[in-house]
Amino acid sequence: MDPFSQKNKLENLAAPMSKEKSPQNWTQTQRLEAILDCHGMSEEKMSAYCREHGIYAHHIKEWKAELLKVSESSGMISKQE
């Protein structure tokens, strides 16, 4: 067996995994896009979306809660000014 062909097989297996990002590594823009993509989806469709993108539904819910919290706090600052 050619040692180079074994190496290529391992590299090919690792390549798709390296493209996926863990939820912690998603940018704010990517998180917002995911929130918007999932808006109005049924739980079933949202679960399918999340599986496709390597995240869980609770990530979308957490990101949305964080976004709303930041939005509310910045709104309060504007009102005080």
C-alpha atoms as a PDB file:
ATOM      1  CA  MET A   1       0.000   0.000   0.000  1.00  0.00           C
ATOM      2  CA  ASP A   2       1.309   3.398  -0.972  1.00  0.00           C
ATOM      3  CA  PRO A   3       1.865   5.566   2.167  1.00  0.00           C
ATOM      4  CA  PHE A   4       0.933   8.696   0.221  1.00  0.00           C
ATOM      5  CA  SER A   5      -2.494   7.364  -0.720  1.00  0.00           C
ATOM      6  CA  GLN A   6      -3.214   6.687   2.969  1.00  0.00           C
ATOM      7  CA  LYS A   7      -2.205  10.246   3.845  1.00  0.00           C
ATOM      8  CA  ASN A   8      -4.470  11.662   1.123  1.00  0.00           C
ATOM      9  CA  LYS A   9      -7.392   9.636   2.442  1.00  0.00           C
ATOM     10  CA  LEU A  10      -6.878  11.054   5.923  1.00  0.00           C
ATOM     11  CA  GLU A  11      -6.591  14.593   4.603  1.00  0.00           C
ATOM     12  CA  ASN A  12      -9.780  14.180   2.595  1.00  0.00           C
ATOM     13  CA  LEU A  13     -11.634  12.958   5.672  1.00  0.00           C
ATOM     14  CA  ALA A  14     -10.405  15.864   7.786  1.00  0.00           C
ATOM     15  CA  ALA A  15     -11.169  18.549   5.202  1.00  0.00           C
ATOM     16  CA  PRO A  16     -14.980  18.725   5.646  1.00  0.00           C
ATOM     17  CA  MET A  17     -14.646  18.809   9.411  1.00  0.00           C
ATOM     18  CA  SER A  18     -12.215  21.718   9.313  1.00  0.00           C
ATOM     19  CA  LYS A  19     -14.709  23.816   7.321  1.00  0.00           C
ATOM     20  CA  GLU A  20     -17.339  23.591  10.068  1.00  0.00           C
ATOM     21  CA  LYS A  21     -17.130  26.199  12.770  1.00  0.00           C
ATOM     22  CA  SER A  22     -18.093  25.601  16.327  1.00  0.00           C
ATOM     23  CA  PRO A  23     -20.959  27.851  17.456  1.00  0.00           C
ATOM     24  CA  GLN A  24     -18.566  29.894  19.604  1.00  0.00           C
ATOM     25  CA  ASN A  25     -16.586  30.855  16.502  1.00  0.00           C
ATOM     26  CA  TRP A  26     -19.545  32.266  14.569  1.00  0.00           C
ATOM     27  CA  THR A  27     -19.262  36.013  13.961  1.00  0.00           C
ATOM     28  CA  GLN A  28     -22.011  38.382  15.090  1.00  0.00           C
ATOM     29  CA  THR A  29     -23.032  38.780  11.445  1.00  0.00           C
ATOM     30  CA  GLN A  30     -23.294  35.015  10.943  1.00  0.00           C
ATOM     31  CA  ARG A  31     -25.328  34.702  14.141  1.00  0.00           C
ATOM     32  CA  LEU A  32     -27.712  37.427  13.010  1.00  0.00           C
ATOM     33  CA  GLU A  33     -28.107  35.765   9.609  1.00  0.00           C
ATOM     34  CA  ALA A  34     -28.936  32.452  11.315  1.00  0.00           C
ATOM     35  CA  ILE A  35     -31.491  34.183  13.569  1.00  0.00           C
ATOM     36  CA  LEU A  36     -33.107  35.821  10.550  1.00  0.00           C
ATOM     37  CA  ASP A  37     -33.029  32.585   8.539  1.00  0.00           C
ATOM     38  CA  CYS A  38     -34.798  30.728  11.359  1.00  0.00           C
ATOM     39  CA  HIS A  39     -37.361  33.439  12.105  1.00  0.00           C
ATOM     40  CA  GLY A  40     -40.839  32.029  11.738  1.00  0.00           C
ATOM     41  CA  MET A  41     -39.640  28.462  11.131  1.00  0.00           C
ATOM     42  CA  SER A  42     -41.314  25.538  12.823  1.00  0.00           C
ATOM     43  CA  GLU A  43     -39.229  23.690  15.419  1.00  0.00           C
ATOM     44  CA  GLU A  44     -38.796  20.850  12.934  1.00  0.00           C
ATOM     45  CA  LYS A  45     -37.498  23.107  10.148  1.00  0.00           C
ATOM     46  CA  MET A  46     -35.269  25.012  12.563  1.00  0.00           C
ATOM     47  CA  SER A  47     -33.789  21.716  13.800  1.00  0.00           C
ATOM     48  CA  ALA A  48     -33.073  20.687  10.204  1.00  0.00           C
ATOM     49  CA  TYR A  49     -31.440  24.076   9.509  1.00  0.00           C
ATOM     50  CA  CYS A  50     -29.308  23.748  12.625  1.00  0.00           C
ATOM     51  CA  ARG A  51     -28.188  20.204  11.785  1.00  0.00           C
ATOM     52  CA  GLU A  52     -27.197  21.386   8.324  1.00  0.00           C
ATOM     53  CA  HIS A  53     -25.087  24.194   9.801  1.00  0.00           C
ATOM     54  CA  GLY A  54     -23.540  22.225  12.678  1.00  0.00           C
ATOM     55  CA  ILE A  55     -25.349  23.996  15.496  1.00  0.00           C
ATOM     56  CA  TYR A  56     -28.298  23.319  17.792  1.00  0.00           C
ATOM     57  CA  ALA A  57     -31.590  25.182  18.120  1.00  0.00           C
ATOM     58  CA  HIS A  58     -30.589  26.403  21.566  1.00  0.00           C
ATOM     59  CA  HIS A  59     -27.706  28.318  19.966  1.00  0.00           C
ATOM     60  CA  ILE A  60     -30.168  30.293  17.837  1.00  0.00           C
ATOM     61  CA  LYS A  61     -32.311  31.003  20.902  1.00  0.00           C
ATOM     62  CA  GLU A  62     -29.294  32.083  22.982  1.00  0.00           C
ATOM     63  CA  TRP A  63     -27.979  34.336  20.216  1.00  0.00           C
ATOM     64  CA  LYS A  64     -31.402  35.934  19.810  1.00  0.00           C
ATOM     65  CA  ALA A  65     -31.676  36.550  23.565  1.00  0.00           C
ATOM     66  CA  GLU A  66     -28.188  38.115  23.605  1.00  0.00           C
ATOM     67  CA  LEU A  67     -29.053  40.320  20.637  1.00  0.00           C
ATOM     68  CA  LEU A  68     -32.276  41.486  22.263  1.00  0.00           C
ATOM     69  CA  LYS A  69     -30.479  42.173  25.536  1.00  0.00           C
ATOM     70  CA  VAL A  70     -27.851  44.301  23.783  1.00  0.00           C
ATOM     71  CA  SER A  71     -30.537  46.056  21.770  1.00  0.00           C
ATOM     72  CA  GLU A  72     -32.567  46.883  24.880  1.00  0.00           C
ATOM     73  CA  SER A  73     -29.539  48.145  26.809  1.00  0.00           C
ATOM     74  CA  SER A  74     -28.436  50.372  23.910  1.00  0.00           C
ATOM     75  CA  GLY A  75     -31.987  51.689  23.641  1.00  0.00           C
ATOM     76  CA  MET A  76     -31.969  52.666  27.292  1.00  0.00           C
ATOM     77  CA  ILE A  77     -28.691  54.549  26.831  1.00  0.00           C
ATOM     78  CA  SER A  78     -30.172  56.513  23.932  1.00  0.00           C
ATOM     79  CA  LYS A  79     -33.221  57.449  26.004  1.00  0.00           C
ATOM     80  CA  GLN A  80     -31.012  58.706  28.834  1.00  0.00           C
ATOM     81  CA  GLU A  81     -29.065  60.974  26.480  1.00  0.00           C
END
